[in-house]
Amino acid sequence: QFNRNISECERLGIPYGVYVYSYAFDNQQAADE
């Protein structure tokens, strides 16, 4: 739902931030996230 959610917030002028749920086991995976 991310692409729709961010588009709707921008359409309606709702201030937003974002987050990613991490599964990183090492620095490379953290960089990929």
PDB file of all heavy atoms in Angstrom:
ATOM      1  N   GLN A   1       0.808  -1.221   0.000  1.00  0.00           N
ATOM      2  CA  GLN A   1       0.000   0.000   0.000  1.00  0.00           C
ATOM      3  C   GLN A   1       0.844   1.276   0.000  1.00  0.00           C
ATOM      4  O   GLN A   1       0.285   2.370   0.001  1.00  0.00           O
ATOM      5  CB  GLN A   1      -0.933   0.009   1.214  1.00  0.00           C
ATOM      6  CG  GLN A   1      -2.014  -1.056   1.196  1.00  0.00           C
ATOM      7  CD  GLN A   1      -3.026  -0.827   0.094  1.00  0.00           C
ATOM      8  OE1 GLN A   1      -3.325   0.311  -0.270  1.00  0.00           O
ATOM      9  NE2 GLN A   1      -3.576  -1.906  -0.446  1.00  0.00           N
ATOM     10  N   PHE A   2       2.171   1.154   0.014  1.00  0.00           N
ATOM     11  CA  PHE A   2       2.997   2.353   0.189  1.00  0.00           C
ATOM     12  C   PHE A   2       2.790   3.399  -0.896  1.00  0.00           C
ATOM     13  O   PHE A   2       2.580   4.584  -0.599  1.00  0.00           O
ATOM     14  CB  PHE A   2       4.472   1.992   0.260  1.00  0.00           C
ATOM     15  CG  PHE A   2       5.366   3.206   0.299  1.00  0.00           C
ATOM     16  CD1 PHE A   2       5.405   4.017   1.418  1.00  0.00           C
ATOM     17  CD2 PHE A   2       6.128   3.561  -0.805  1.00  0.00           C
ATOM     18  CE1 PHE A   2       6.203   5.166   1.453  1.00  0.00           C
ATOM     19  CE2 PHE A   2       6.927   4.696  -0.783  1.00  0.00           C
ATOM     20  CZ  PHE A   2       6.963   5.497   0.349  1.00  0.00           C
ATOM     21  N   ASN A   3       2.877   2.998  -2.151  1.00  0.00           N
ATOM     22  CA  ASN A   3       2.779   3.984  -3.235  1.00  0.00           C
ATOM     23  C   ASN A   3       1.447   4.723  -3.205  1.00  0.00           C
ATOM     24  O   ASN A   3       1.398   5.943  -3.416  1.00  0.00           O
ATOM     25  CB  ASN A   3       2.993   3.304  -4.586  1.00  0.00           C
ATOM     26  CG  ASN A   3       4.435   2.893  -4.800  1.00  0.00           C
ATOM     27  OD1 ASN A   3       5.354   3.588  -4.390  1.00  0.00           O
ATOM     28  ND2 ASN A   3       4.647   1.736  -5.413  1.00  0.00           N
ATOM     29  N   ARG A   4       0.376   3.997  -2.930  1.00  0.00           N
ATOM     30  CA  ARG A   4      -0.933   4.661  -2.844  1.00  0.00           C
ATOM     31  C   ARG A   4      -0.993   5.567  -1.615  1.00  0.00           C
ATOM     32  O   ARG A   4      -1.494   6.701  -1.689  1.00  0.00           O
ATOM     33  CB  ARG A   4      -2.055   3.635  -2.785  1.00  0.00           C
ATOM     34  CG  ARG A   4      -3.442   4.281  -2.703  1.00  0.00           C
ATOM     35  CD  ARG A   4      -4.575   3.280  -2.734  1.00  0.00           C
ATOM     36  NE  ARG A   4      -5.845   3.990  -2.677  1.00  0.00           N
ATOM     37  CZ  ARG A   4      -6.433   4.368  -1.544  1.00  0.00           C
ATOM     38  NH1 ARG A   4      -5.860   4.095  -0.381  1.00  0.00           N
ATOM     39  NH2 ARG A   4      -7.585   5.016  -1.573  1.00  0.00           N
ATOM     40  N   ASN A   5      -0.496   5.087  -0.483  1.00  0.00           N
ATOM     41  CA  ASN A   5      -0.562   5.884   0.740  1.00  0.00           C
ATOM     42  C   ASN A   5       0.203   7.198   0.614  1.00  0.00           C
ATOM     43  O   ASN A   5      -0.283   8.256   1.026  1.00  0.00           O
ATOM     44  CB  ASN A   5      -0.015   5.081   1.924  1.00  0.00           C
ATOM     45  CG  ASN A   5      -0.968   3.986   2.383  1.00  0.00           C
ATOM     46  OD1 ASN A   5      -2.156   4.011   2.074  1.00  0.00           O
ATOM     47  ND2 ASN A   5      -0.452   3.020   3.119  1.00  0.00           N
ATOM     48  N   ILE A   6       1.394   7.140   0.032  1.00  0.00           N
ATOM     49  CA  ILE A   6       2.185   8.371  -0.078  1.00  0.00           C
ATOM     50  C   ILE A   6       1.541   9.334  -1.073  1.00  0.00           C
ATOM     51  O   ILE A   6       1.527  10.553  -0.860  1.00  0.00           O
ATOM     52  CB  ILE A   6       3.656   8.062  -0.449  1.00  0.00           C
ATOM     53  CG1 ILE A   6       4.544   9.276  -0.157  1.00  0.00           C
ATOM     54  CG2 ILE A   6       3.801   7.609  -1.889  1.00  0.00           C
ATOM     55  CD1 ILE A   6       6.032   8.973  -0.274  1.00  0.00           C
ATOM     56  N   SER A   7       0.959   8.807  -2.138  1.00  0.00           N
ATOM     57  CA  SER A   7       0.294   9.662  -3.125  1.00  0.00           C
ATOM     58  C   SER A   7      -0.932  10.344  -2.521  1.00  0.00           C
ATOM     59  O   SER A   7      -1.190  11.531  -2.782  1.00  0.00           O
ATOM     60  CB  SER A   7      -0.119   8.841  -4.351  1.00  0.00           C
ATOM     61  OG  SER A   7       1.011   8.346  -5.029  1.00  0.00           O
ATOM     62  N   GLU A   8      -1.672   9.604  -1.708  1.00  0.00           N
ATOM     63  CA  GLU A   8      -2.865  10.174  -1.082  1.00  0.00           C
ATOM     64  C   GLU A   8      -2.505  11.242  -0.055  1.00  0.00           C
ATOM     65  O   GLU A   8      -3.169  12.283   0.030  1.00  0.00           O
ATOM     66  CB  GLU A   8      -3.689   9.058  -0.422  1.00  0.00           C
ATOM     67  CG  GLU A   8      -4.437   8.179  -1.404  1.00  0.00           C
ATOM     68  CD  GLU A   8      -5.544   8.935  -2.105  1.00  0.00           C
ATOM     69  OE1 GLU A   8      -6.656   9.017  -1.560  1.00  0.00           O
ATOM     70  OE2 GLU A   8      -5.285   9.477  -3.204  1.00  0.00           O
ATOM     71  N   CYS A   9      -1.464  11.010   0.719  1.00  0.00           N
ATOM     72  CA  CYS A   9      -1.039  12.024   1.685  1.00  0.00           C
ATOM     73  C   CYS A   9      -0.615  13.308   0.975  1.00  0.00           C
ATOM     74  O   CYS A   9      -0.943  14.416   1.424  1.00  0.00           O
ATOM     75  CB  CYS A   9       0.113  11.497   2.542  1.00  0.00           C
ATOM     76  SG  CYS A   9      -0.400  10.317   3.811  1.00  0.00           S
ATOM     77  N   GLU A  10       0.063  13.172  -0.141  1.00  0.00           N
ATOM     78  CA  GLU A  10       0.496  14.354  -0.898  1.00  0.00           C
ATOM     79  C   GLU A  10      -0.699  15.042  -1.554  1.00  0.00           C
ATOM     80  O   GLU A  10      -0.765  16.274  -1.595  1.00  0.00           O
ATOM     81  CB  GLU A  10       1.536  13.943  -1.928  1.00  0.00           C
ATOM     82  CG  GLU A  10       2.853  13.541  -1.282  1.00  0.00           C
ATOM     83  CD  GLU A  10       3.883  13.043  -2.268  1.00  0.00           C
ATOM     84  OE1 GLU A  10       3.521  12.777  -3.432  1.00  0.00           O
ATOM     85  OE2 GLU A  10       5.062  12.923  -1.878  1.00  0.00           O
ATOM     86  N   ARG A  11      -1.641  14.255  -2.036  1.00  0.00           N
ATOM     87  CA  ARG A  11      -2.832  14.854  -2.657  1.00  0.00           C
ATOM     88  C   ARG A  11      -3.614  15.689  -1.656  1.00  0.00           C
ATOM     89  O   ARG A  11      -4.118  16.772  -1.988  1.00  0.00           O
ATOM     90  CB  ARG A  11      -3.727  13.747  -3.223  1.00  0.00           C
ATOM     91  CG  ARG A  11      -5.047  14.253  -3.838  1.00  0.00           C
ATOM     92  CD  ARG A  11      -5.869  13.115  -4.412  1.00  0.00           C
ATOM     93  NE  ARG A  11      -6.413  12.249  -3.387  1.00  0.00           N
ATOM     94  CZ  ARG A  11      -7.567  12.470  -2.747  1.00  0.00           C
ATOM     95  NH1 ARG A  11      -8.275  13.558  -3.016  1.00  0.00           N
ATOM     96  NH2 ARG A  11      -8.009  11.613  -1.843  1.00  0.00           N
ATOM     97  N   LEU A  12      -3.699  15.211  -0.421  1.00  0.00           N
ATOM     98  CA  LEU A  12      -4.521  15.866   0.592  1.00  0.00           C
ATOM     99  C   LEU A  12      -3.730  16.810   1.495  1.00  0.00           C
ATOM    100  O   LEU A  12      -4.299  17.446   2.376  1.00  0.00           O
ATOM    101  CB  LEU A  12      -5.208  14.794   1.454  1.00  0.00           C
ATOM    102  CG  LEU A  12      -6.238  13.935   0.716  1.00  0.00           C
ATOM    103  CD1 LEU A  12      -6.619  12.714   1.535  1.00  0.00           C
ATOM    104  CD2 LEU A  12      -7.480  14.759   0.387  1.00  0.00           C
ATOM    105  N   GLY A  13      -2.415  16.913   1.268  1.00  0.00           N
ATOM    106  CA  GLY A  13      -1.612  17.806   2.091  1.00  0.00           C
ATOM    107  C   GLY A  13      -1.425  17.326   3.511  1.00  0.00           C
ATOM    108  O   GLY A  13      -1.298  18.133   4.441  1.00  0.00           O
ATOM    109  N   ILE A  14      -1.398  15.996   3.705  1.00  0.00           N
ATOM    110  CA  ILE A  14      -1.171  15.435   5.040  1.00  0.00           C
ATOM    111  C   ILE A  14       0.336  15.270   5.244  1.00  0.00           C
ATOM    112  O   ILE A  14       0.982  14.524   4.500  1.00  0.00           O
ATOM    113  CB  ILE A  14      -1.870  14.072   5.193  1.00  0.00           C
ATOM    114  CG1 ILE A  14      -3.384  14.223   5.012  1.00  0.00           C
ATOM    115  CG2 ILE A  14      -1.557  13.456   6.552  1.00  0.00           C
ATOM    116  CD1 ILE A  14      -4.131  12.900   4.976  1.00  0.00           C
ATOM    117  N   PRO A  15       0.936  15.938   6.210  1.00  0.00           N
ATOM    118  CA  PRO A  15       2.374  15.755   6.460  1.00  0.00           C
ATOM    119  C   PRO A  15       2.668  14.296   6.791  1.00  0.00           C
ATOM    120  O   PRO A  15       1.915  13.652   7.523  1.00  0.00           O
ATOM    121  CB  PRO A  15       2.638  16.661   7.668  1.00  0.00           C
ATOM    122  CG  PRO A  15       1.516  17.654   7.659  1.00  0.00           C
ATOM    123  CD  PRO A  15       0.327  16.916   7.130  1.00  0.00           C
ATOM    124  N   TYR A  16       3.775  13.766   6.269  1.00  0.00           N
ATOM    125  CA  TYR A  16       4.058  12.351   6.493  1.00  0.00           C
ATOM    126  C   TYR A  16       5.550  12.106   6.667  1.00  0.00           C
ATOM    127  O   TYR A  16       6.402  12.874   6.223  1.00  0.00           O
ATOM    128  CB  TYR A  16       3.526  11.504   5.328  1.00  0.00           C
ATOM    129  CG  TYR A  16       4.235  11.755   4.009  1.00  0.00           C
ATOM    130  CD1 TYR A  16       5.397  11.067   3.675  1.00  0.00           C
ATOM    131  CD2 TYR A  16       3.755  12.704   3.103  1.00  0.00           C
ATOM    132  CE1 TYR A  16       6.060  11.307   2.483  1.00  0.00           C
ATOM    133  CE2 TYR A  16       4.404  12.950   1.904  1.00  0.00           C
ATOM    134  CZ  TYR A  16       5.562  12.244   1.603  1.00  0.00           C
ATOM    135  OH  TYR A  16       6.222  12.498   0.424  1.00  0.00           O
ATOM    136  N   GLY A  17       5.842  11.012   7.343  1.00  0.00           N
ATOM    137  CA  GLY A  17       7.178  10.448   7.407  1.00  0.00           C
ATOM    138  C   GLY A  17       7.064   8.999   6.976  1.00  0.00           C
ATOM    139  O   GLY A  17       5.971   8.528   6.649  1.00  0.00           O
ATOM    140  N   VAL A  18       8.175   8.265   6.983  1.00  0.00           N
ATOM    141  CA  VAL A  18       8.141   6.869   6.557  1.00  0.00           C
ATOM    142  C   VAL A  18       9.010   6.025   7.491  1.00  0.00           C
ATOM    143  O   VAL A  18       9.829   6.551   8.252  1.00  0.00           O
ATOM    144  CB  VAL A  18       8.633   6.696   5.101  1.00  0.00           C
ATOM    145  CG1 VAL A  18       7.779   7.519   4.143  1.00  0.00           C
ATOM    146  CG2 VAL A  18      10.103   7.072   4.966  1.00  0.00           C
ATOM    147  N   TYR A  19       8.811   4.699   7.409  1.00  0.00           N
ATOM    148  CA  TYR A  19       9.672   3.795   8.162  1.00  0.00           C
ATOM    149  C   TYR A  19       9.841   2.491   7.396  1.00  0.00           C
ATOM    150  O   TYR A  19       9.033   2.151   6.523  1.00  0.00           O
ATOM    151  CB  TYR A  19       9.112   3.529   9.558  1.00  0.00           C
ATOM    152  CG  TYR A  19       7.906   2.606   9.629  1.00  0.00           C
ATOM    153  CD1 TYR A  19       8.057   1.242   9.885  1.00  0.00           C
ATOM    154  CD2 TYR A  19       6.612   3.091   9.456  1.00  0.00           C
ATOM    155  CE1 TYR A  19       6.964   0.393   9.970  1.00  0.00           C
ATOM    156  CE2 TYR A  19       5.505   2.254   9.537  1.00  0.00           C
ATOM    157  CZ  TYR A  19       5.686   0.904   9.801  1.00  0.00           C
ATOM    158  OH  TYR A  19       4.597   0.059   9.874  1.00  0.00           O
ATOM    159  N   VAL A  20      10.912   1.774   7.716  1.00  0.00           N
ATOM    160  CA  VAL A  20      11.137   0.445   7.165  1.00  0.00           C
ATOM    161  C   VAL A  20      11.356  -0.510   8.334  1.00  0.00           C
ATOM    162  O   VAL A  20      12.090  -0.202   9.284  1.00  0.00           O
ATOM    163  CB  VAL A  20      12.333   0.413   6.190  1.00  0.00           C
ATOM    164  CG1 VAL A  20      13.628   0.778   6.886  1.00  0.00           C
ATOM    165  CG2 VAL A  20      12.455  -0.950   5.511  1.00  0.00           C
ATOM    166  N   TYR A  21      10.689  -1.656   8.279  1.00  0.00           N
ATOM    167  CA  TYR A  21      10.813  -2.694   9.303  1.00  0.00           C
ATOM    168  C   TYR A  21      12.074  -3.488   8.988  1.00  0.00           C
ATOM    169  O   TYR A  21      12.166  -4.147   7.963  1.00  0.00           O
ATOM    170  CB  TYR A  21       9.568  -3.576   9.266  1.00  0.00           C
ATOM    171  CG  TYR A  21       9.451  -4.610  10.371  1.00  0.00           C
ATOM    172  CD1 TYR A  21       8.585  -4.409  11.430  1.00  0.00           C
ATOM    173  CD2 TYR A  21      10.175  -5.794  10.325  1.00  0.00           C
ATOM    174  CE1 TYR A  21       8.440  -5.377  12.430  1.00  0.00           C
ATOM    175  CE2 TYR A  21      10.053  -6.754  11.319  1.00  0.00           C
ATOM    176  CZ  TYR A  21       9.179  -6.540  12.368  1.00  0.00           C
ATOM    177  OH  TYR A  21       9.046  -7.488  13.357  1.00  0.00           O
ATOM    178  N   SER A  22      13.061  -3.431   9.870  1.00  0.00           N
ATOM    179  CA  SER A  22      14.374  -4.000   9.568  1.00  0.00           C
ATOM    180  C   SER A  22      14.471  -5.492   9.877  1.00  0.00           C
ATOM    181  O   SER A  22      14.006  -5.969  10.915  1.00  0.00           O
ATOM    182  CB  SER A  22      15.458  -3.271  10.353  1.00  0.00           C
ATOM    183  OG  SER A  22      16.720  -3.880  10.118  1.00  0.00           O
ATOM    184  N   TYR A  23      15.112  -6.196   8.931  1.00  0.00           N
ATOM    185  CA  TYR A  23      15.511  -7.585   9.134  1.00  0.00           C
ATOM    186  C   TYR A  23      17.018  -7.745   8.934  1.00  0.00           C
ATOM    187  O   TYR A  23      17.515  -8.864   8.776  1.00  0.00           O
ATOM    188  CB  TYR A  23      14.803  -8.499   8.134  1.00  0.00           C
ATOM    189  CG  TYR A  23      13.342  -8.765   8.425  1.00  0.00           C
ATOM    190  CD1 TYR A  23      12.345  -8.147   7.695  1.00  0.00           C
ATOM    191  CD2 TYR A  23      12.963  -9.669   9.418  1.00  0.00           C
ATOM    192  CE1 TYR A  23      11.005  -8.409   7.935  1.00  0.00           C
ATOM    193  CE2 TYR A  23      11.626  -9.937   9.675  1.00  0.00           C
ATOM    194  CZ  TYR A  23      10.651  -9.313   8.928  1.00  0.00           C
ATOM    195  OH  TYR A  23       9.323  -9.584   9.178  1.00  0.00           O
ATOM    196  N   ALA A  24      17.738  -6.650   8.924  1.00  0.00           N
ATOM    197  CA  ALA A  24      19.162  -6.686   8.574  1.00  0.00           C
ATOM    198  C   ALA A  24      19.978  -7.448   9.608  1.00  0.00           C
ATOM    199  O   ALA A  24      19.900  -7.180  10.809  1.00  0.00           O
ATOM    200  CB  ALA A  24      19.696  -5.270   8.422  1.00  0.00           C
ATOM    201  N   PHE A  25      20.801  -8.393   9.113  1.00  0.00           N
ATOM    202  CA  PHE A  25      21.713  -9.145   9.969  1.00  0.00           C
ATOM    203  C   PHE A  25      23.126  -8.555   9.942  1.00  0.00           C
ATOM    204  O   PHE A  25      23.945  -8.860  10.808  1.00  0.00           O
ATOM    205  CB  PHE A  25      21.794 -10.603   9.504  1.00  0.00           C
ATOM    206  CG  PHE A  25      20.599 -11.442   9.879  1.00  0.00           C
ATOM    207  CD1 PHE A  25      19.490 -10.891  10.515  1.00  0.00           C
ATOM    208  CD2 PHE A  25      20.594 -12.799   9.595  1.00  0.00           C
ATOM    209  CE1 PHE A  25      18.398 -11.675  10.852  1.00  0.00           C
ATOM    210  CE2 PHE A  25      19.509 -13.592   9.934  1.00  0.00           C
ATOM    211  CZ  PHE A  25      18.407 -13.036  10.565  1.00  0.00           C
ATOM    212  N   ASP A  26      23.423  -7.742   8.917  1.00  0.00           N
ATOM    213  CA  ASP A  26      24.760  -7.169   8.802  1.00  0.00           C
ATOM    214  C   ASP A  26      24.665  -5.790   8.159  1.00  0.00           C
ATOM    215  O   ASP A  26      23.592  -5.337   7.760  1.00  0.00           O
ATOM    216  CB  ASP A  26      25.688  -8.084   7.996  1.00  0.00           C
ATOM    217  CG  ASP A  26      25.135  -8.435   6.617  1.00  0.00           C
ATOM    218  OD1 ASP A  26      24.586  -7.533   5.941  1.00  0.00           O
ATOM    219  OD2 ASP A  26      25.255  -9.606   6.206  1.00  0.00           O
ATOM    220  N   ASN A  27      25.800  -5.122   8.051  1.00  0.00           N
ATOM    221  CA  ASN A  27      25.821  -3.751   7.531  1.00  0.00           C
ATOM    222  C   ASN A  27      25.380  -3.671   6.079  1.00  0.00           C
ATOM    223  O   ASN A  27      24.756  -2.688   5.665  1.00  0.00           O
ATOM    224  CB  ASN A  27      27.222  -3.159   7.690  1.00  0.00           C
ATOM    225  CG  ASN A  27      27.545  -2.832   9.137  1.00  0.00           C
ATOM    226  OD1 ASN A  27      26.692  -2.953  10.016  1.00  0.00           O
ATOM    227  ND2 ASN A  27      28.788  -2.447   9.403  1.00  0.00           N
ATOM    228  N   GLN A  28      25.734  -4.677   5.282  1.00  0.00           N
ATOM    229  CA  GLN A  28      25.343  -4.645   3.879  1.00  0.00           C
ATOM    230  C   GLN A  28      23.827  -4.721   3.739  1.00  0.00           C
ATOM    231  O   GLN A  28      23.231  -4.000   2.931  1.00  0.00           O
ATOM    232  CB  GLN A  28      25.992  -5.804   3.105  1.00  0.00           C
ATOM    233  CG  GLN A  28      25.667  -5.797   1.608  1.00  0.00           C
ATOM    234  CD  GLN A  28      26.064  -4.496   0.935  1.00  0.00           C
ATOM    235  OE1 GLN A  28      27.238  -4.114   0.968  1.00  0.00           O
ATOM    236  NE2 GLN A  28      25.100  -3.791   0.324  1.00  0.00           N
ATOM    237  N   GLN A  29      23.192  -5.553   4.526  1.00  0.00           N
ATOM    238  CA  GLN A  29      21.732  -5.639   4.473  1.00  0.00           C
ATOM    239  C   GLN A  29      21.094  -4.344   4.968  1.00  0.00           C
ATOM    240  O   GLN A  29      20.070  -3.902   4.434  1.00  0.00           O
ATOM    241  CB  GLN A  29      21.249  -6.840   5.285  1.00  0.00           C
ATOM    242  CG  GLN A  29      21.602  -8.175   4.645  1.00  0.00           C
ATOM    243  CD  GLN A  29      21.070  -9.361   5.416  1.00  0.00           C
ATOM    244  OE1 GLN A  29      20.658  -9.246   6.580  1.00  0.00           O
ATOM    245  NE2 GLN A  29      21.070 -10.533   4.780  1.00  0.00           N
ATOM    246  N   ALA A  30      21.695  -3.712   5.979  1.00  0.00           N
ATOM    247  CA  ALA A  30      21.190  -2.415   6.456  1.00  0.00           C
ATOM    248  C   ALA A  30      21.304  -1.366   5.355  1.00  0.00           C
ATOM    249  O   ALA A  30      20.398  -0.542   5.161  1.00  0.00           O
ATOM    250  CB  ALA A  30      21.959  -1.973   7.693  1.00  0.00           C
ATOM    251  N   ALA A  31      22.420  -1.394   4.624  1.00  0.00           N
ATOM    252  CA  ALA A  31      22.597  -0.462   3.505  1.00  0.00           C
ATOM    253  C   ALA A  31      21.576  -0.734   2.409  1.00  0.00           C
ATOM    254  O   ALA A  31      21.049   0.208   1.797  1.00  0.00           O
ATOM    255  CB  ALA A  31      24.017  -0.578   2.944  1.00  0.00           C
ATOM    256  N   ASP A  32      21.281  -2.001   2.173  1.00  0.00           N
ATOM    257  CA  ASP A  32      20.279  -2.354   1.161  1.00  0.00           C
ATOM    258  C   ASP A  32      18.889  -1.867   1.577  1.00  0.00           C
ATOM    259  O   ASP A  32      18.100  -1.421   0.732  1.00  0.00           O
ATOM    260  CB  ASP A  32      20.255  -3.865   0.944  1.00  0.00           C
ATOM    261  CG  ASP A  32      21.508  -4.368   0.228  1.00  0.00           C
ATOM    262  OD1 ASP A  32      22.271  -3.524  -0.286  1.00  0.00           O
ATOM    263  OD2 ASP A  32      21.717  -5.597   0.202  1.00  0.00           O
ATOM    264  N   GLU A  33      18.584  -1.942   2.863  1.00  0.00           N
ATOM    265  CA  GLU A  33      17.294  -1.433   3.346  1.00  0.00           C
ATOM    266  C   GLU A  33      17.203   0.075   3.120  1.00  0.00           C
ATOM    267  O   GLU A  33      16.155   0.589   2.696  1.00  0.00           O
ATOM    268  CB  GLU A  33      17.118  -1.779   4.825  1.00  0.00           C
ATOM    269  CG  GLU A  33      16.880  -3.261   5.066  1.00  0.00           C
ATOM    270  CD  GLU A  33      16.762  -3.635   6.529  1.00  0.00           C
ATOM    271  OE1 GLU A  33      17.398  -2.956   7.375  1.00  0.00           O
ATOM    272  OE2 GLU A  33      16.054  -4.601   6.845  1.00  0.00           O
TER     273      GLU A  33
END
